[in-house]
Amino acid sequence: MIDVARYDGREPAVFDRVVPNEDIEGLRVLGYLVVTDPGEGIRTADGFPPKSFHTETVQGFTLRPGRCRSWSS
């Protein structure tokens, strides 16, 4: 998971894709989703996506200044 604590850019950031920085041994990544935080912070939860979280595709996702998001694989 990539936790974007806060985006403080001046313009919206539009994402094309997410790729790992290095090979992930013993794990097959099926894809990535943007998981929005319902306001309670990142925590453990059963299932995916966890209840009360909303998911969106990465390609074309817009992150606006002052917003927080998390990325999950």
PDB file of N, CA and C in Angstrom:
ATOM      1  N   MET A   1       0.830  -1.170   0.000  1.00  0.00           N
ATOM      2  CA  MET A   1       0.000   0.000   0.000  1.00  0.00           C
ATOM      3  C   MET A   1       0.878   1.237   0.000  1.00  0.00           C
ATOM      4  N   ILE A   2       0.476   2.232  -0.720  1.00  0.00           N
ATOM      5  CA  ILE A   2       1.151   3.523  -0.742  1.00  0.00           C
ATOM      6  C   ILE A   2       0.202   4.519  -0.090  1.00  0.00           C
ATOM      7  N   ASP A   3       0.631   5.123   0.979  1.00  0.00           N
ATOM      8  CA  ASP A   3      -0.208   6.084   1.686  1.00  0.00           C
ATOM      9  C   ASP A   3       0.242   7.488   1.321  1.00  0.00           C
ATOM     10  N   VAL A   4      -0.616   8.211   0.634  1.00  0.00           N
ATOM     11  CA  VAL A   4      -0.325   9.600   0.308  1.00  0.00           C
ATOM     12  C   VAL A   4      -0.941  10.422   1.434  1.00  0.00           C
ATOM     13  N   ALA A   5      -0.099  10.825   2.381  1.00  0.00           N
ATOM     14  CA  ALA A   5      -0.613  11.513   3.561  1.00  0.00           C
ATOM     15  C   ALA A   5      -1.367  12.779   3.188  1.00  0.00           C
ATOM     16  N   ARG A   6      -0.839  13.543   2.259  1.00  0.00           N
ATOM     17  CA  ARG A   6      -1.508  14.768   1.807  1.00  0.00           C
ATOM     18  C   ARG A   6      -0.807  15.254   0.543  1.00  0.00           C
ATOM     19  N   TYR A   7      -1.593  15.671  -0.427  1.00  0.00           N
ATOM     20  CA  TYR A   7      -1.041  16.208  -1.660  1.00  0.00           C
ATOM     21  C   TYR A   7      -1.161  17.726  -1.597  1.00  0.00           C
ATOM     22  N   ASP A   8      -0.024  18.402  -1.587  1.00  0.00           N
ATOM     23  CA  ASP A   8      -0.014  19.853  -1.456  1.00  0.00           C
ATOM     24  C   ASP A   8       0.385  20.570  -2.735  1.00  0.00           C
ATOM     25  N   GLY A   9       0.259  19.919  -3.877  1.00  0.00           N
ATOM     26  CA  GLY A   9       0.578  20.567  -5.144  1.00  0.00           C
ATOM     27  C   GLY A   9      -0.403  21.692  -5.447  1.00  0.00           C
ATOM     28  N   ARG A  10      -0.076  22.476  -6.446  1.00  0.00           N
ATOM     29  CA  ARG A  10      -0.947  23.598  -6.822  1.00  0.00           C
ATOM     30  C   ARG A  10      -2.022  23.182  -7.830  1.00  0.00           C
ATOM     31  N   GLU A  11      -1.724  22.177  -8.640  1.00  0.00           N
ATOM     32  CA  GLU A  11      -2.649  21.703  -9.664  1.00  0.00           C
ATOM     33  C   GLU A  11      -3.043  20.260  -9.356  1.00  0.00           C
ATOM     34  N   PRO A  12      -4.209  19.811  -9.816  1.00  0.00           N
ATOM     35  CA  PRO A  12      -4.584  18.414  -9.633  1.00  0.00           C
ATOM     36  C   PRO A  12      -3.570  17.481 -10.302  1.00  0.00           C
ATOM     37  N   ALA A  13      -3.304  16.338  -9.705  1.00  0.00           N
ATOM     38  CA  ALA A  13      -2.429  15.313 -10.276  1.00  0.00           C
ATOM     39  C   ALA A  13      -3.319  14.220 -10.870  1.00  0.00           C
ATOM     40  N   VAL A  14      -3.109  13.891 -12.141  1.00  0.00           N
ATOM     41  CA  VAL A  14      -3.874  12.848 -12.809  1.00  0.00           C
ATOM     42  C   VAL A  14      -2.929  11.671 -13.041  1.00  0.00           C
ATOM     43  N   PHE A  15      -3.300  10.506 -12.547  1.00  0.00           N
ATOM     44  CA  PHE A  15      -2.427   9.333 -12.601  1.00  0.00           C
ATOM     45  C   PHE A  15      -2.709   8.466 -13.816  1.00  0.00           C
ATOM     46  N   ASP A  16      -1.612   7.955 -14.396  1.00  0.00           N
ATOM     47  CA  ASP A  16      -1.709   7.022 -15.515  1.00  0.00           C
ATOM     48  C   ASP A  16      -1.610   5.585 -15.029  1.00  0.00           C
ATOM     49  N   ARG A  17      -0.693   5.347 -14.075  1.00  0.00           N
ATOM     50  CA  ARG A  17      -0.468   3.985 -13.585  1.00  0.00           C
ATOM     51  C   ARG A  17       0.367   4.013 -12.315  1.00  0.00           C
ATOM     52  N   VAL A  18       0.431   2.879 -11.666  1.00  0.00           N
ATOM     53  CA  VAL A  18       1.272   2.670 -10.490  1.00  0.00           C
ATOM     54  C   VAL A  18       2.108   1.432 -10.767  1.00  0.00           C
ATOM     55  N   VAL A  19       3.411   1.508 -10.508  1.00  0.00           N
ATOM     56  CA  VAL A  19       4.297   0.354 -10.686  1.00  0.00           C
ATOM     57  C   VAL A  19       5.173   0.230  -9.439  1.00  0.00           C
ATOM     58  N   PRO A  20       5.525  -0.994  -9.048  1.00  0.00           N
ATOM     59  CA  PRO A  20       6.398  -1.163  -7.882  1.00  0.00           C
ATOM     60  C   PRO A  20       7.816  -0.673  -8.174  1.00  0.00           C
ATOM     61  N   ASN A  21       8.520  -0.253  -7.145  1.00  0.00           N
ATOM     62  CA  ASN A  21       9.911   0.195  -7.281  1.00  0.00           C
ATOM     63  C   ASN A  21      10.862  -0.965  -7.515  1.00  0.00           C
ATOM     64  N   GLU A  22      10.485  -2.146  -7.074  1.00  0.00           N
ATOM     65  CA  GLU A  22      11.327  -3.336  -7.237  1.00  0.00           C
ATOM     66  C   GLU A  22      10.430  -4.552  -7.367  1.00  0.00           C
ATOM     67  N   ASP A  23      11.027  -5.674  -7.814  1.00  0.00           N
ATOM     68  CA  ASP A  23      10.276  -6.924  -7.942  1.00  0.00           C
ATOM     69  C   ASP A  23       9.724  -7.341  -6.585  1.00  0.00           C
ATOM     70  N   ILE A  24       8.551  -7.949  -6.612  1.00  0.00           N
ATOM     71  CA  ILE A  24       7.907  -8.416  -5.391  1.00  0.00           C
ATOM     72  C   ILE A  24       7.977  -9.939  -5.398  1.00  0.00           C
ATOM     73  N   GLU A  25       8.901 -10.495  -4.615  1.00  0.00           N
ATOM     74  CA  GLU A  25       9.103 -11.939  -4.586  1.00  0.00           C
ATOM     75  C   GLU A  25       7.975 -12.642  -3.855  1.00  0.00           C
ATOM     76  N   GLY A  26       7.480 -13.738  -4.451  1.00  0.00           N
ATOM     77  CA  GLY A  26       6.481 -14.570  -3.810  1.00  0.00           C
ATOM     78  C   GLY A  26       5.075 -13.983  -3.817  1.00  0.00           C
ATOM     79  N   LEU A  27       4.865 -12.931  -4.571  1.00  0.00           N
ATOM     80  CA  LEU A  27       3.560 -12.282  -4.613  1.00  0.00           C
ATOM     81  C   LEU A  27       3.224 -11.934  -6.051  1.00  0.00           C
ATOM     82  N   ARG A  28       2.034 -12.238  -6.463  1.00  0.00           N
ATOM     83  CA  ARG A  28       1.588 -11.890  -7.808  1.00  0.00           C
ATOM     84  C   ARG A  28       0.629 -10.705  -7.694  1.00  0.00           C
ATOM     85  N   VAL A  29       1.013  -9.574  -8.228  1.00  0.00           N
ATOM     86  CA  VAL A  29       0.185  -8.377  -8.191  1.00  0.00           C
ATOM     87  C   VAL A  29      -0.803  -8.450  -9.351  1.00  0.00           C
ATOM     88  N   LEU A  30      -2.079  -8.410  -9.034  1.00  0.00           N
ATOM     89  CA  LEU A  30      -3.121  -8.483 -10.052  1.00  0.00           C
ATOM     90  C   LEU A  30      -3.500  -7.111 -10.581  1.00  0.00           C
ATOM     91  N   GLY A  31      -3.180  -6.091  -9.842  1.00  0.00           N
ATOM     92  CA  GLY A  31      -3.500  -4.736 -10.263  1.00  0.00           C
ATOM     93  C   GLY A  31      -3.536  -3.816  -9.064  1.00  0.00           C
ATOM     94  N   TYR A  32      -3.824  -2.560  -9.313  1.00  0.00           N
ATOM     95  CA  TYR A  32      -3.854  -1.548  -8.259  1.00  0.00           C
ATOM     96  C   TYR A  32      -5.177  -0.805  -8.294  1.00  0.00           C
ATOM     97  N   LEU A  33      -5.628  -0.384  -7.136  1.00  0.00           N
ATOM     98  CA  LEU A  33      -6.830   0.428  -6.997  1.00  0.00           C
ATOM     99  C   LEU A  33      -6.534   1.603  -6.089  1.00  0.00           C
ATOM    100  N   VAL A  34      -7.266   2.669  -6.267  1.00  0.00           N
ATOM    101  CA  VAL A  34      -7.222   3.788  -5.332  1.00  0.00           C
ATOM    102  C   VAL A  34      -8.291   3.498  -4.287  1.00  0.00           C
ATOM    103  N   VAL A  35      -7.903   3.527  -3.025  1.00  0.00           N
ATOM    104  CA  VAL A  35      -8.845   3.297  -1.926  1.00  0.00           C
ATOM    105  C   VAL A  35      -8.987   4.599  -1.166  1.00  0.00           C
ATOM    106  N   THR A  36     -10.194   5.131  -1.126  1.00  0.00           N
ATOM    107  CA  THR A  36     -10.386   6.391  -0.416  1.00  0.00           C
ATOM    108  C   THR A  36     -10.662   6.100   1.055  1.00  0.00           C
ATOM    109  N   ASP A  37     -10.127   6.940   1.884  1.00  0.00           N
ATOM    110  CA  ASP A  37     -10.227   6.821   3.329  1.00  0.00           C
ATOM    111  C   ASP A  37     -11.529   7.464   3.790  1.00  0.00           C
ATOM    112  N   PRO A  38     -12.373   6.741   4.537  1.00  0.00           N
ATOM    113  CA  PRO A  38     -13.640   7.326   4.974  1.00  0.00           C
ATOM    114  C   PRO A  38     -13.478   8.351   6.099  1.00  0.00           C
ATOM    115  N   GLY A  39     -12.236   8.701   6.446  1.00  0.00           N
ATOM    116  CA  GLY A  39     -12.022   9.733   7.446  1.00  0.00           C
ATOM    117  C   GLY A  39     -11.528   9.233   8.781  1.00  0.00           C
ATOM    118  N   GLU A  40     -11.315   7.931   8.903  1.00  0.00           N
ATOM    119  CA  GLU A  40     -10.884   7.361  10.174  1.00  0.00           C
ATOM    120  C   GLU A  40      -9.416   6.956  10.161  1.00  0.00           C
ATOM    121  N   GLY A  41      -8.712   7.245   9.087  1.00  0.00           N
ATOM    122  CA  GLY A  41      -7.311   6.870   8.981  1.00  0.00           C
ATOM    123  C   GLY A  41      -7.135   5.444   8.485  1.00  0.00           C
ATOM    124  N   ILE A  42      -5.897   5.112   8.162  1.00  0.00           N
ATOM    125  CA  ILE A  42      -5.581   3.770   7.686  1.00  0.00           C
ATOM    126  C   ILE A  42      -5.534   2.837   8.881  1.00  0.00           C
ATOM    127  N   ARG A  43      -6.180   1.695   8.746  1.00  0.00           N
ATOM    128  CA  ARG A  43      -6.239   0.713   9.831  1.00  0.00           C
ATOM    129  C   ARG A  43      -6.422  -0.671   9.240  1.00  0.00           C
ATOM    130  N   THR A  44      -6.410  -1.682  10.061  1.00  0.00           N
ATOM    131  CA  THR A  44      -6.662  -3.024   9.556  1.00  0.00           C
ATOM    132  C   THR A  44      -8.162  -3.210   9.371  1.00  0.00           C
ATOM    133  N   ALA A  45      -8.504  -4.033   8.398  1.00  0.00           N
ATOM    134  CA  ALA A  45      -9.911  -4.307   8.113  1.00  0.00           C
ATOM    135  C   ALA A  45      -9.993  -5.646   7.400  1.00  0.00           C
ATOM    136  N   ASP A  46     -11.094  -6.354   7.592  1.00  0.00           N
ATOM    137  CA  ASP A  46     -11.312  -7.638   6.930  1.00  0.00           C
ATOM    138  C   ASP A  46     -11.830  -7.420   5.518  1.00  0.00           C
ATOM    139  N   GLY A  47     -11.351  -8.259   4.597  1.00  0.00           N
ATOM    140  CA  GLY A  47     -11.847  -8.245   3.234  1.00  0.00           C
ATOM    141  C   GLY A  47     -11.267  -7.131   2.393  1.00  0.00           C
ATOM    142  N   PHE A  48     -11.529  -7.244   1.083  1.00  0.00           N
ATOM    143  CA  PHE A  48     -11.101  -6.185   0.184  1.00  0.00           C
ATOM    144  C   PHE A  48     -12.147  -5.988  -0.886  1.00  0.00           C
ATOM    145  N   PRO A  49     -12.572  -4.795  -1.112  1.00  0.00           N
ATOM    146  CA  PRO A  49     -12.234  -3.601  -0.331  1.00  0.00           C
ATOM    147  C   PRO A  49     -12.951  -3.633   1.017  1.00  0.00           C
ATOM    148  N   PRO A  50     -12.351  -3.057   2.021  1.00  0.00           N
ATOM    149  CA  PRO A  50     -13.003  -3.033   3.339  1.00  0.00           C
ATOM    150  C   PRO A  50     -14.313  -2.259   3.275  1.00  0.00           C
ATOM    151  N   LYS A  51     -15.269  -2.651   4.105  1.00  0.00           N
ATOM    152  CA  LYS A  51     -16.546  -1.938   4.165  1.00  0.00           C
ATOM    153  C   LYS A  51     -16.283  -0.477   4.499  1.00  0.00           C
ATOM    154  N   SER A  52     -17.057   0.404   3.970  1.00  0.00           N
ATOM    155  CA  SER A  52     -17.013   1.861   4.148  1.00  0.00           C
ATOM    156  C   SER A  52     -15.880   2.534   3.371  1.00  0.00           C
ATOM    157  N   PHE A  53     -15.090   1.757   2.626  1.00  0.00           N
ATOM    158  CA  PHE A  53     -14.068   2.341   1.766  1.00  0.00           C
ATOM    159  C   PHE A  53     -14.580   2.290   0.328  1.00  0.00           C
ATOM    160  N   HIS A  54     -14.231   3.276  -0.453  1.00  0.00           N
ATOM    161  CA  HIS A  54     -14.615   3.345  -1.857  1.00  0.00           C
ATOM    162  C   HIS A  54     -13.355   3.111  -2.689  1.00  0.00           C
ATOM    163  N   THR A  55     -13.466   2.380  -3.790  1.00  0.00           N
ATOM    164  CA  THR A  55     -12.315   2.151  -4.657  1.00  0.00           C
ATOM    165  C   THR A  55     -12.566   2.751  -6.041  1.00  0.00           C
ATOM    166  N   GLU A  56     -11.475   3.145  -6.687  1.00  0.00           N
ATOM    167  CA  GLU A  56     -11.516   3.666  -8.047  1.00  0.00           C
ATOM    168  C   GLU A  56     -10.306   3.131  -8.796  1.00  0.00           C
ATOM    169  N   THR A  57     -10.387   3.109 -10.132  1.00  0.00           N
ATOM    170  CA  THR A  57      -9.241   2.679 -10.926  1.00  0.00           C
ATOM    171  C   THR A  57      -8.162   3.756 -10.874  1.00  0.00           C
ATOM    172  N   VAL A  58      -6.907   3.334 -11.063  1.00  0.00           N
ATOM    173  CA  VAL A  58      -5.779   4.264 -11.012  1.00  0.00           C
ATOM    174  C   VAL A  58      -5.749   5.148 -12.250  1.00  0.00           C
ATOM    175  N   GLN A  59      -5.886   4.540 -13.438  1.00  0.00           N
ATOM    176  CA  GLN A  59      -5.760   5.320 -14.669  1.00  0.00           C
ATOM    177  C   GLN A  59      -6.847   6.386 -14.731  1.00  0.00           C
ATOM    178  N   GLY A  60      -6.406   7.630 -14.827  1.00  0.00           N
ATOM    179  CA  GLY A  60      -7.325   8.746 -14.907  1.00  0.00           C
ATOM    180  C   GLY A  60      -7.778   9.300 -13.566  1.00  0.00           C
ATOM    181  N   PHE A  61      -7.353   8.673 -12.463  1.00  0.00           N
ATOM    182  CA  PHE A  61      -7.756   9.177 -11.148  1.00  0.00           C
ATOM    183  C   PHE A  61      -7.115  10.544 -10.900  1.00  0.00           C
ATOM    184  N   THR A  62      -7.884  11.482 -10.392  1.00  0.00           N
ATOM    185  CA  THR A  62      -7.391  12.832 -10.126  1.00  0.00           C
ATOM    186  C   THR A  62      -7.284  13.057  -8.633  1.00  0.00           C
ATOM    187  N   LEU A  63      -6.096  13.443  -8.199  1.00  0.00           N
ATOM    188  CA  LEU A  63      -5.850  13.767  -6.795  1.00  0.00           C
ATOM    189  C   LEU A  63      -5.738  15.282  -6.706  1.00  0.00           C
ATOM    190  N   ARG A  64      -6.643  15.877  -5.988  1.00  0.00           N
ATOM    191  CA  ARG A  64      -6.683  17.334  -5.878  1.00  0.00           C
ATOM    192  C   ARG A  64      -5.852  17.819  -4.690  1.00  0.00           C
ATOM    193  N   PRO A  65      -5.289  19.011  -4.769  1.00  0.00           N
ATOM    194  CA  PRO A  65      -4.498  19.553  -3.660  1.00  0.00           C
ATOM    195  C   PRO A  65      -5.279  19.519  -2.343  1.00  0.00           C
ATOM    196  N   GLY A  66      -4.570  19.143  -1.263  1.00  0.00           N
ATOM    197  CA  GLY A  66      -5.185  19.082   0.054  1.00  0.00           C
ATOM    198  C   GLY A  66      -5.911  17.789   0.352  1.00  0.00           C
ATOM    199  N   ARG A  67      -5.893  16.836  -0.577  1.00  0.00           N
ATOM    200  CA  ARG A  67      -6.589  15.561  -0.392  1.00  0.00           C
ATOM    201  C   ARG A  67      -5.628  14.459   0.006  1.00  0.00           C
ATOM    202  N   CYS A  68      -6.159  13.405   0.632  1.00  0.00           N
ATOM    203  CA  CYS A  68      -5.380  12.226   1.029  1.00  0.00           C
ATOM    204  C   CYS A  68      -5.968  11.008   0.339  1.00  0.00           C
ATOM    205  N   ARG A  69      -5.116  10.085  -0.054  1.00  0.00           N
ATOM    206  CA  ARG A  69      -5.555   8.841  -0.682  1.00  0.00           C
ATOM    207  C   ARG A  69      -4.583   7.731  -0.322  1.00  0.00           C
ATOM    208  N   SER A  70      -5.052   6.507  -0.471  1.00  0.00           N
ATOM    209  CA  SER A  70      -4.205   5.341  -0.299  1.00  0.00           C
ATOM    210  C   SER A  70      -4.317   4.462  -1.531  1.00  0.00           C
ATOM    211  N   TRP A  71      -3.239   3.793  -1.877  1.00  0.00           N
ATOM    212  CA  TRP A  71      -3.208   2.890  -3.038  1.00  0.00           C
ATOM    213  C   TRP A  71      -3.003   1.481  -2.525  1.00  0.00           C
ATOM    214  N   SER A  72      -3.777   0.549  -3.022  1.00  0.00           N
ATOM    215  CA  SER A  72      -3.629  -0.836  -2.627  1.00  0.00           C
ATOM    216  C   SER A  72      -3.465  -1.701  -3.857  1.00  0.00           C
ATOM    217  N   SER A  73      -2.768  -2.811  -3.686  1.00  0.00           N
ATOM    218  CA  SER A  73      -2.597  -3.741  -4.794  1.00  0.00           C
ATOM    219  C   SER A  73      -3.525  -4.913  -4.613  1.00  0.00           C
TER     220      SER A  73
END
